[in-house]
Amino acid sequence: MSLSSSLTSPRTTSFPGGLRELAPRYDTLLCDLWGVVHNGRQMFAAAIDALQKFRAGGGVVVFITNAPRPQGPVLDQIFDLGLPRDAFDDIVTSGDVTVKSIAARGTDPAYHIGPPRDLALFEAVEALTGVAPPVVGLEEAAYVVVTGLVDDAVEVPADYAARLAEMRRRGLLMICANPDIVVHVGDKLIYCGGALAQAYAAIGGETFLAGKPHAPIYEAAIERASRARHGVPIDRNRILAIGDALHTDVAGASAQQIDVLFVTSGIHREELHPGGDRDIDRLAFAQRLADADHRPLAAMPHLTW
């Protein structure tokens, strides 16, 4: 049984020296990708080693990511970065959840906000249903699909204010394929689709967020874990989620009554590792979590064995 048992969130957070100290309590890992296993430019060797050793001990690893593309293109990306196949069993993306949401709207015309590479979402819908959903201009759209900023290297959410205002005026639903607010690409912090969803909700717009921290992506990931175990049901008390974002990874898993290992050197590294310190600043950590609705079971700077 897990340390937090039936609690939504543990009262205190431990600071283990590695995943090996937690691994005997769990059969399944639901592991984030960006910020835990890679930074968009390179894989983290220690994290890969930890996942391989967990699987070698009989555990199942399912990647659960807010990448706004179906799993096929995401797999291509992480294999290109050097991820070995024996580090995981399966993957579920917020893009996979978004595909189902788009498919449910049939032939309603959609307006897309995001880079052209993310149009793979609509190709996946056609492959699933046999029908290509029309992608149109904003003036013709019945709803909006956001996968990110069109040019996240230079744009910020304020650049979309006029467009969001027009969407709100027309009462359009925004389906957000990536609820992350920001992510590190190497050392650069860039905005994600969740930043636009946040801005749209702030002016009264209706949003549907496909990935973490919302339930559908966890349900899909647990189903994939069961499939990896040849259909054996998954005990949630034996699942450990791993992630680097308090508002998505920690909040989402905690809401599903799943224990969480928080990797502190991801998007929160400036506040939890000031000056690039290797160790967690325990005072900053306590202050950051003082008013949080959810607390991780454990925290470590990087995922290691």
Foldseek 3Di string as FASTA:
>chain_A
DAPCVQALFDPDAAADPACVVVLVLFQEEAEEPPQFQHPQQAGDVQQLVRLLVSVVVNHAYEYAYLQQAAPPVVVVSVVVRPRDPSSHDYYGYLNVQVLVVVLVVPQFEEEEAAAPVRCNSQVVNCVVPVDRHHHDDPVRGQAYEYFFHHDQVPDDLVVCVVVLVVCVVVQHEYEYSGLDQWWGNPNDITGGSNVNVVVSVVVPHHYHYRGFLDDPSVVVRQVSSCVSVVNDHHDQSNYEYEEADCRGRFNSCSVVVHAYEHAPCTPNNCQQPPPNNQFGPVVSVCVVCVPPPHDHRYYYNHHHD
